[in-house]
Amino acid sequence: MSDTKVIEVINKVLINDSVLEGMLAKADFDKTVPAVYDSWAERDVEFPYIVNTYRFPGGDHWAKKSGNLNSDIFTRGNSSVEAENIKERVIELLDRRIFESDESGPIRVYLNMDSIMPEDTPEVVHWNIEFNVVFWRKKFISQLIS
C-alpha cells in the first residue's frame, strides 16, 4: 500500500464526518466538503480549517511503515474554544482506531500529543495534534495468513 492510499483513507474519515463538517468551513477547492487540506492551505481560505501533513520515513520491517500525521487546526478569534472542540472531534475520530480500505491493510492511528501553537497573527488560534500512524502492506499480511 502506498503512502498516498493511507493519506486518502484518513482524510476520508475526517471529510465524511457530519459533526466535523458542521465545525469547519467549506473547502476552497470544493464547497461540498469541509475544509481539510493536505500539506498547506491558501493564504485567504475561510476559517476554521485543518491542514494535515504526513511523514512516513520507514519502519522496522520491510512490509511495515511507521510515521506521523500532524493535524493543524486554524480558527479565527480571541478564544481557543472552537479550536479545542475541533481538536477533540479529530482525536475522537482517529485515536486508537484501525482503518481498512479495499487496497490497504490495517492502518493504526494513535494520539502522540497535542498543543496550542504560537501564531504571528494574534486573532488566529493554531492547535496541533500529532498522531503516530502504522500500517502493513495487505499483500504481505495475506501471504502470512494463507
C-alpha atoms as a PDB file:
ATOM      1  CA  MET A   1       0.000   0.000   0.000  1.00  0.00           C
ATOM      2  CA  SER A   2       1.295   3.421  -0.826  1.00  0.00           C
ATOM      3  CA  ASP A   3       1.562   6.383   1.497  1.00  0.00           C
ATOM      4  CA  THR A   4      -0.967   8.131  -0.755  1.00  0.00           C
ATOM      5  CA  LYS A   5      -3.617   5.497  -0.009  1.00  0.00           C
ATOM      6  CA  VAL A   6      -3.070   5.861   3.733  1.00  0.00           C
ATOM      7  CA  ILE A   7      -3.489   9.631   3.454  1.00  0.00           C
ATOM      8  CA  GLU A   8      -6.640   9.152   1.368  1.00  0.00           C
ATOM      9  CA  VAL A   9      -8.206   6.761   3.907  1.00  0.00           C
ATOM     10  CA  ILE A  10      -7.525   9.037   6.899  1.00  0.00           C
ATOM     11  CA  ASN A  11      -8.672  12.183   5.086  1.00  0.00           C
ATOM     12  CA  LYS A  12     -11.930  10.466   4.089  1.00  0.00           C
ATOM     13  CA  VAL A  13     -12.637   9.699   7.748  1.00  0.00           C
ATOM     14  CA  LEU A  14     -12.378  13.409   8.546  1.00  0.00           C
ATOM     15  CA  ILE A  15     -14.149  14.714   5.450  1.00  0.00           C
ATOM     16  CA  ASN A  16     -17.081  12.276   5.763  1.00  0.00           C
ATOM     17  CA  ASP A  17     -17.850  13.027   9.415  1.00  0.00           C
ATOM     18  CA  SER A  18     -21.036  15.104   9.675  1.00  0.00           C
ATOM     19  CA  VAL A  19     -20.126  16.524  13.100  1.00  0.00           C
ATOM     20  CA  LEU A  20     -16.726  17.757  11.916  1.00  0.00           C
ATOM     21  CA  GLU A  21     -18.329  19.067   8.733  1.00  0.00           C
ATOM     22  CA  GLY A  22     -20.532  21.316  10.873  1.00  0.00           C
ATOM     23  CA  MET A  23     -17.482  22.652  12.709  1.00  0.00           C
ATOM     24  CA  LEU A  24     -15.338  23.570   9.681  1.00  0.00           C
ATOM     25  CA  ALA A  25     -15.671  25.992   6.796  1.00  0.00           C
ATOM     26  CA  LYS A  26     -16.155  24.608   3.300  1.00  0.00           C
ATOM     27  CA  ALA A  27     -13.000  23.790   1.310  1.00  0.00           C
ATOM     28  CA  ASP A  28     -11.991  26.414  -1.238  1.00  0.00           C
ATOM     29  CA  PHE A  29     -11.442  23.712  -3.901  1.00  0.00           C
ATOM     30  CA  ASP A  30     -14.870  22.065  -3.370  1.00  0.00           C
ATOM     31  CA  LYS A  31     -17.678  23.813  -1.476  1.00  0.00           C
ATOM     32  CA  THR A  32     -19.404  20.468  -0.824  1.00  0.00           C
ATOM     33  CA  VAL A  33     -16.718  19.187   1.585  1.00  0.00           C
ATOM     34  CA  PRO A  34     -15.290  20.502   4.857  1.00  0.00           C
ATOM     35  CA  ALA A  35     -12.020  22.427   4.828  1.00  0.00           C
ATOM     36  CA  VAL A  36      -9.445  19.653   5.300  1.00  0.00           C
ATOM     37  CA  TYR A  37      -6.284  20.355   3.299  1.00  0.00           C
ATOM     38  CA  ASP A  38      -3.171  18.314   2.527  1.00  0.00           C
ATOM     39  CA  SER A  39       0.168  19.921   3.401  1.00  0.00           C
ATOM     40  CA  TRP A  40      -0.913  23.580   3.120  1.00  0.00           C
ATOM     41  CA  ALA A  41      -3.841  25.930   2.621  1.00  0.00           C
ATOM     42  CA  GLU A  42      -4.067  29.079   0.550  1.00  0.00           C
ATOM     43  CA  ARG A  43      -3.456  32.280   2.452  1.00  0.00           C
ATOM     44  CA  ASP A  44      -7.040  33.539   2.191  1.00  0.00           C
ATOM     45  CA  VAL A  45      -9.074  30.376   2.879  1.00  0.00           C
ATOM     46  CA  GLU A  46     -12.086  30.614   5.140  1.00  0.00           C
ATOM     47  CA  PHE A  47     -11.682  29.711   8.831  1.00  0.00           C
ATOM     48  CA  PRO A  48     -11.849  27.270  10.568  1.00  0.00           C
ATOM     49  CA  TYR A  49      -9.876  24.631   8.690  1.00  0.00           C
ATOM     50  CA  ILE A  50      -7.476  21.712   9.150  1.00  0.00           C
ATOM     51  CA  VAL A  51      -4.158  21.122   7.403  1.00  0.00           C
ATOM     52  CA  ASN A  52      -2.858  17.542   7.509  1.00  0.00           C
ATOM     53  CA  THR A  53       0.784  16.742   6.889  1.00  0.00           C
ATOM     54  CA  TYR A  54       2.173  13.235   6.835  1.00  0.00           C
ATOM     55  CA  ARG A  55       5.677  11.839   7.237  1.00  0.00           C
ATOM     56  CA  PHE A  56       6.411   8.154   6.629  1.00  0.00           C
ATOM     57  CA  PRO A  57      10.176   7.629   6.913  1.00  0.00           C
ATOM     58  CA  GLY A  58      10.003   3.838   7.070  1.00  0.00           C
ATOM     59  CA  GLY A  59       9.513   1.016   9.501  1.00  0.00           C
ATOM     60  CA  ASP A  60      11.343  -1.715  11.352  1.00  0.00           C
ATOM     61  CA  HIS A  61      10.159  -4.346   8.882  1.00  0.00           C
ATOM     62  CA  TRP A  62      10.159  -4.326   5.065  1.00  0.00           C
ATOM     63  CA  ALA A  63       6.356  -4.669   4.973  1.00  0.00           C
ATOM     64  CA  LYS A  64       5.641  -2.136   7.732  1.00  0.00           C
ATOM     65  CA  LYS A  65       5.674   1.637   7.618  1.00  0.00           C
ATOM     66  CA  SER A  66       5.533   3.953  10.588  1.00  0.00           C
ATOM     67  CA  GLY A  67       5.159   7.677  10.582  1.00  0.00           C
ATOM     68  CA  ASN A  68       3.329  10.723  11.790  1.00  0.00           C
ATOM     69  CA  LEU A  69       0.237  12.659  10.938  1.00  0.00           C
ATOM     70  CA  ASN A  70       0.146  16.276  12.065  1.00  0.00           C
ATOM     71  CA  SER A  71      -3.303  17.840  12.052  1.00  0.00           C
ATOM     72  CA  ASP A  72      -3.048  21.601  12.389  1.00  0.00           C
ATOM     73  CA  ILE A  73      -6.308  23.319  13.248  1.00  0.00           C
ATOM     74  CA  PHE A  74      -6.705  27.013  12.474  1.00  0.00           C
ATOM     75  CA  THR A  75      -9.542  29.143  13.821  1.00  0.00           C
ATOM     76  CA  ARG A  76     -10.098  32.895  13.978  1.00  0.00           C
ATOM     77  CA  GLY A  77     -10.998  34.708  17.182  1.00  0.00           C
ATOM     78  CA  ASN A  78      -9.747  35.550  20.653  1.00  0.00           C
ATOM     79  CA  SER A  79     -10.732  32.226  22.207  1.00  0.00           C
ATOM     80  CA  SER A  80      -9.287  28.755  21.750  1.00  0.00           C
ATOM     81  CA  VAL A  81     -12.631  27.053  22.495  1.00  0.00           C
ATOM     82  CA  GLU A  82     -13.533  26.488  18.831  1.00  0.00           C
ATOM     83  CA  ALA A  83     -10.096  25.013  18.067  1.00  0.00           C
ATOM     84  CA  GLU A  84     -10.290  22.799  21.158  1.00  0.00           C
ATOM     85  CA  ASN A  85     -13.711  21.472  20.129  1.00  0.00           C
ATOM     86  CA  ILE A  86     -12.414  20.614  16.657  1.00  0.00           C
ATOM     87  CA  LYS A  87      -9.329  19.024  18.214  1.00  0.00           C
ATOM     88  CA  GLU A  88     -11.474  16.828  20.462  1.00  0.00           C
ATOM     89  CA  ARG A  89     -13.543  15.663  17.494  1.00  0.00           C
ATOM     90  CA  VAL A  90     -10.464  14.816  15.400  1.00  0.00           C
ATOM     91  CA  ILE A  91      -8.989  12.866  18.312  1.00  0.00           C
ATOM     92  CA  GLU A  92     -12.291  11.029  18.793  1.00  0.00           C
ATOM     93  CA  LEU A  93     -12.346  10.077  15.098  1.00  0.00           C
ATOM     94  CA  LEU A  94      -8.721   8.917  14.820  1.00  0.00           C
ATOM     95  CA  ASP A  95      -7.158   7.945  18.157  1.00  0.00           C
ATOM     96  CA  ARG A  96      -6.734   4.203  18.805  1.00  0.00           C
ATOM     97  CA  ARG A  97      -8.613   3.356  15.641  1.00  0.00           C
ATOM     98  CA  ILE A  98      -7.897   0.832  12.927  1.00  0.00           C
ATOM     99  CA  PHE A  99      -8.928   1.728   9.384  1.00  0.00           C
ATOM    100  CA  GLU A 100      -9.141  -0.548   6.355  1.00  0.00           C
ATOM    101  CA  SER A 101      -9.711   0.016   2.672  1.00  0.00           C
ATOM    102  CA  ASP A 102     -10.079  -2.229  -0.360  1.00  0.00           C
ATOM    103  CA  GLU A 103      -6.473  -1.563  -1.323  1.00  0.00           C
ATOM    104  CA  SER A 104      -4.812  -1.338   2.068  1.00  0.00           C
ATOM    105  CA  GLY A 105      -4.089  -3.394   5.098  1.00  0.00           C
ATOM    106  CA  PRO A 106      -4.849  -2.188   8.608  1.00  0.00           C
ATOM    107  CA  ILE A 107      -3.925   1.417   9.320  1.00  0.00           C
ATOM    108  CA  ARG A 108      -3.478   2.044  13.047  1.00  0.00           C
ATOM    109  CA  VAL A 109      -3.587   5.579  14.417  1.00  0.00           C
ATOM    110  CA  TYR A 110      -2.577   6.621  17.938  1.00  0.00           C
ATOM    111  CA  LEU A 111      -2.521  10.063  19.565  1.00  0.00           C
ATOM    112  CA  ASN A 112       1.001  11.143  20.420  1.00  0.00           C
ATOM    113  CA  MET A 113       0.429  14.709  21.684  1.00  0.00           C
ATOM    114  CA  ASP A 114      -1.464  17.923  21.129  1.00  0.00           C
ATOM    115  CA  SER A 115      -0.707  21.536  21.960  1.00  0.00           C
ATOM    116  CA  ILE A 116      -1.612  25.084  21.179  1.00  0.00           C
ATOM    117  CA  MET A 117       0.944  26.675  18.872  1.00  0.00           C
ATOM    118  CA  PRO A 118       2.193  30.266  18.816  1.00  0.00           C
ATOM    119  CA  GLU A 119       0.935  32.323  15.869  1.00  0.00           C
ATOM    120  CA  ASP A 120       2.213  35.598  14.463  1.00  0.00           C
ATOM    121  CA  THR A 121      -1.342  36.768  13.831  1.00  0.00           C
ATOM    122  CA  PRO A 122      -2.995  37.445  17.218  1.00  0.00           C
ATOM    123  CA  GLU A 123      -6.551  36.651  16.088  1.00  0.00           C
ATOM    124  CA  VAL A 124      -5.587  33.212  14.719  1.00  0.00           C
ATOM    125  CA  VAL A 125      -5.669  30.194  17.034  1.00  0.00           C
ATOM    126  CA  HIS A 126      -3.455  27.295  15.917  1.00  0.00           C
ATOM    127  CA  TRP A 127      -3.772  23.888  17.576  1.00  0.00           C
ATOM    128  CA  ASN A 128      -1.524  20.983  16.583  1.00  0.00           C
ATOM    129  CA  ILE A 129      -2.320  17.296  17.043  1.00  0.00           C
ATOM    130  CA  GLU A 130       0.336  14.678  16.356  1.00  0.00           C
ATOM    131  CA  PHE A 131      -0.646  11.075  15.689  1.00  0.00           C
ATOM    132  CA  ASN A 132       1.524   8.019  15.175  1.00  0.00           C
ATOM    133  CA  VAL A 133       0.450   6.026  12.110  1.00  0.00           C
ATOM    134  CA  VAL A 134       1.455   2.414  11.466  1.00  0.00           C
ATOM    135  CA  PHE A 135       0.423   0.291   8.517  1.00  0.00           C
ATOM    136  CA  TRP A 136       1.330  -3.012   6.882  1.00  0.00           C
ATOM    137  CA  ARG A 137       1.169  -3.986   3.248  1.00  0.00           C
ATOM    138  CA  LYS A 138      -2.005  -6.001   2.662  1.00  0.00           C
ATOM    139  CA  LYS A 139      -0.350  -8.464   0.277  1.00  0.00           C
ATOM    140  CA  PHE A 140       2.220  -9.365   2.921  1.00  0.00           C
ATOM    141  CA  ILE A 141      -0.471  -9.979   5.550  1.00  0.00           C
ATOM    142  CA  SER A 142      -2.470 -12.128   3.127  1.00  0.00           C
ATOM    143  CA  GLN A 143       0.576 -14.294   2.477  1.00  0.00           C
ATOM    144  CA  LEU A 144       1.173 -14.739   6.204  1.00  0.00           C
ATOM    145  CA  ILE A 145      -2.330 -15.975   6.981  1.00  0.00           C
ATOM    146  CA  SER A 146      -2.916 -18.125   3.907  1.00  0.00           C
END
